[in-house]
Amino acid sequence: MSISAAGSAVDVTEAARQLEQATHDARVAYDCIELGELDRAHTHAITARAAVDAAETVLRAALASGASVTAEL
């Protein structure tokens, strides 16, 4: 999936990939909490947040470009 306008393009596939990674890390953090492994839970919570931040950066760039989204399914 990409967003394009007047010669510039923003690929939002990376945002989707980062959000999938964030989902995974959040699930692992949840499981670690249940197992009492708080250090590992903390690490995965931080990496989940970093992935969400990366996805937001890509989406902000796409929105700032003022372009429309074209999806290839």
C-alpha atoms as a PDB file:
ATOM      1  CA  MET A   1       0.000   0.000   0.000  1.00  0.00           C
ATOM      2  CA  SER A   2       1.415   3.380  -0.900  1.00  0.00           C
ATOM      3  CA  ILE A   3       0.393   6.995  -0.854  1.00  0.00           C
ATOM      4  CA  SER A   4       1.498   9.150  -3.734  1.00  0.00           C
ATOM      5  CA  ALA A   5       1.103  12.769  -4.753  1.00  0.00           C
ATOM      6  CA  ALA A   6       2.897  14.953  -7.282  1.00  0.00           C
ATOM      7  CA  GLY A   7       6.039  12.875  -7.623  1.00  0.00           C
ATOM      8  CA  SER A   8       6.405  11.815  -3.991  1.00  0.00           C
ATOM      9  CA  ALA A   9       5.276   8.584  -2.405  1.00  0.00           C
ATOM     10  CA  VAL A  10       4.972   7.268   1.132  1.00  0.00           C
ATOM     11  CA  ASP A  11       4.857   3.488   1.569  1.00  0.00           C
ATOM     12  CA  VAL A  12       2.510   2.710   4.466  1.00  0.00           C
ATOM     13  CA  THR A  13       3.301  -1.000   4.330  1.00  0.00           C
ATOM     14  CA  GLU A  14       6.024  -0.319   6.874  1.00  0.00           C
ATOM     15  CA  ALA A  15       3.452   1.233   9.233  1.00  0.00           C
ATOM     16  CA  ALA A  16       1.340  -1.915   8.999  1.00  0.00           C
ATOM     17  CA  ARG A  17       4.400  -4.095   9.662  1.00  0.00           C
ATOM     18  CA  GLN A  18       5.362  -2.012  12.685  1.00  0.00           C
ATOM     19  CA  LEU A  19       1.841  -2.272  14.106  1.00  0.00           C
ATOM     20  CA  GLU A  20       1.920  -6.054  13.697  1.00  0.00           C
ATOM     21  CA  GLN A  21       5.230  -6.109  15.572  1.00  0.00           C
ATOM     22  CA  ALA A  22       3.771  -3.907  18.315  1.00  0.00           C
ATOM     23  CA  THR A  23       0.831  -6.282  18.687  1.00  0.00           C
ATOM     24  CA  HIS A  24       3.195  -9.224  19.048  1.00  0.00           C
ATOM     25  CA  ASP A  25       5.385  -7.455  21.607  1.00  0.00           C
ATOM     26  CA  ALA A  26       2.354  -6.378  23.635  1.00  0.00           C
ATOM     27  CA  ARG A  27       1.095  -9.970  23.747  1.00  0.00           C
ATOM     28  CA  VAL A  28       4.498 -11.222  24.850  1.00  0.00           C
ATOM     29  CA  ALA A  29       4.633  -8.526  27.551  1.00  0.00           C
ATOM     30  CA  TYR A  30       1.192  -9.606  28.774  1.00  0.00           C
ATOM     31  CA  ASP A  31       2.278 -13.248  28.930  1.00  0.00           C
ATOM     32  CA  CYS A  32       5.478 -12.306  30.767  1.00  0.00           C
ATOM     33  CA  ILE A  33       3.450 -10.431  33.376  1.00  0.00           C
ATOM     34  CA  GLU A  34       1.301 -13.517  33.939  1.00  0.00           C
ATOM     35  CA  LEU A  35       4.475 -15.566  34.392  1.00  0.00           C
ATOM     36  CA  GLY A  36       5.929 -13.044  36.813  1.00  0.00           C
ATOM     37  CA  GLU A  37       8.796 -12.117  34.484  1.00  0.00           C
ATOM     38  CA  LEU A  38       8.543  -8.370  34.945  1.00  0.00           C
ATOM     39  CA  ASP A  39      11.927  -7.507  33.426  1.00  0.00           C
ATOM     40  CA  ARG A  40      11.033  -9.275  30.171  1.00  0.00           C
ATOM     41  CA  ALA A  41       7.549  -7.731  30.248  1.00  0.00           C
ATOM     42  CA  HIS A  42       9.102  -4.297  30.602  1.00  0.00           C
ATOM     43  CA  THR A  43      11.461  -4.901  27.689  1.00  0.00           C
ATOM     44  CA  HIS A  44       8.634  -6.049  25.402  1.00  0.00           C
ATOM     45  CA  ALA A  45       6.420  -3.152  26.462  1.00  0.00           C
ATOM     46  CA  ILE A  46       9.195  -0.742  25.478  1.00  0.00           C
ATOM     47  CA  THR A  47       9.710  -2.410  22.092  1.00  0.00           C
ATOM     48  CA  ALA A  48       5.944  -2.392  21.500  1.00  0.00           C
ATOM     49  CA  ARG A  49       5.864   1.334  22.168  1.00  0.00           C
ATOM     50  CA  ALA A  50       8.824   1.910  19.831  1.00  0.00           C
ATOM     51  CA  ALA A  51       7.025   0.030  17.046  1.00  0.00           C
ATOM     52  CA  VAL A  52       3.868   2.101  17.569  1.00  0.00           C
ATOM     53  CA  ASP A  53       5.937   5.287  17.441  1.00  0.00           C
ATOM     54  CA  ALA A  54       7.575   4.157  14.190  1.00  0.00           C
ATOM     55  CA  ALA A  55       4.184   3.424  12.642  1.00  0.00           C
ATOM     56  CA  GLU A  56       2.904   6.824  13.732  1.00  0.00           C
ATOM     57  CA  THR A  57       5.877   8.525  12.085  1.00  0.00           C
ATOM     58  CA  VAL A  58       5.138   6.837   8.762  1.00  0.00           C
ATOM     59  CA  LEU A  59       1.447   7.693   8.993  1.00  0.00           C
ATOM     60  CA  ARG A  60       2.198  11.330   9.872  1.00  0.00           C
ATOM     61  CA  ALA A  61       4.399  11.563   6.780  1.00  0.00           C
ATOM     62  CA  ALA A  62       1.604  10.092   4.681  1.00  0.00           C
ATOM     63  CA  LEU A  63      -0.937  12.534   6.094  1.00  0.00           C
ATOM     64  CA  ALA A  64       1.425  15.476   5.670  1.00  0.00           C
ATOM     65  CA  SER A  65       1.884  14.637   1.995  1.00  0.00           C
ATOM     66  CA  GLY A  66      -1.808  15.316   1.467  1.00  0.00           C
ATOM     67  CA  ALA A  67      -2.081  12.369  -0.886  1.00  0.00           C
ATOM     68  CA  SER A  68      -4.690   9.690  -1.272  1.00  0.00           C
ATOM     69  CA  VAL A  69      -4.199   6.058  -0.300  1.00  0.00           C
ATOM     70  CA  THR A  70      -4.005   3.348  -2.947  1.00  0.00           C
ATOM     71  CA  ALA A  71      -4.300  -0.198  -1.655  1.00  0.00           C
ATOM     72  CA  GLU A  72      -3.262  -3.313  -3.524  1.00  0.00           C
ATOM     73  CA  LEU A  73      -4.974  -6.372  -2.091  1.00  0.00           C
END
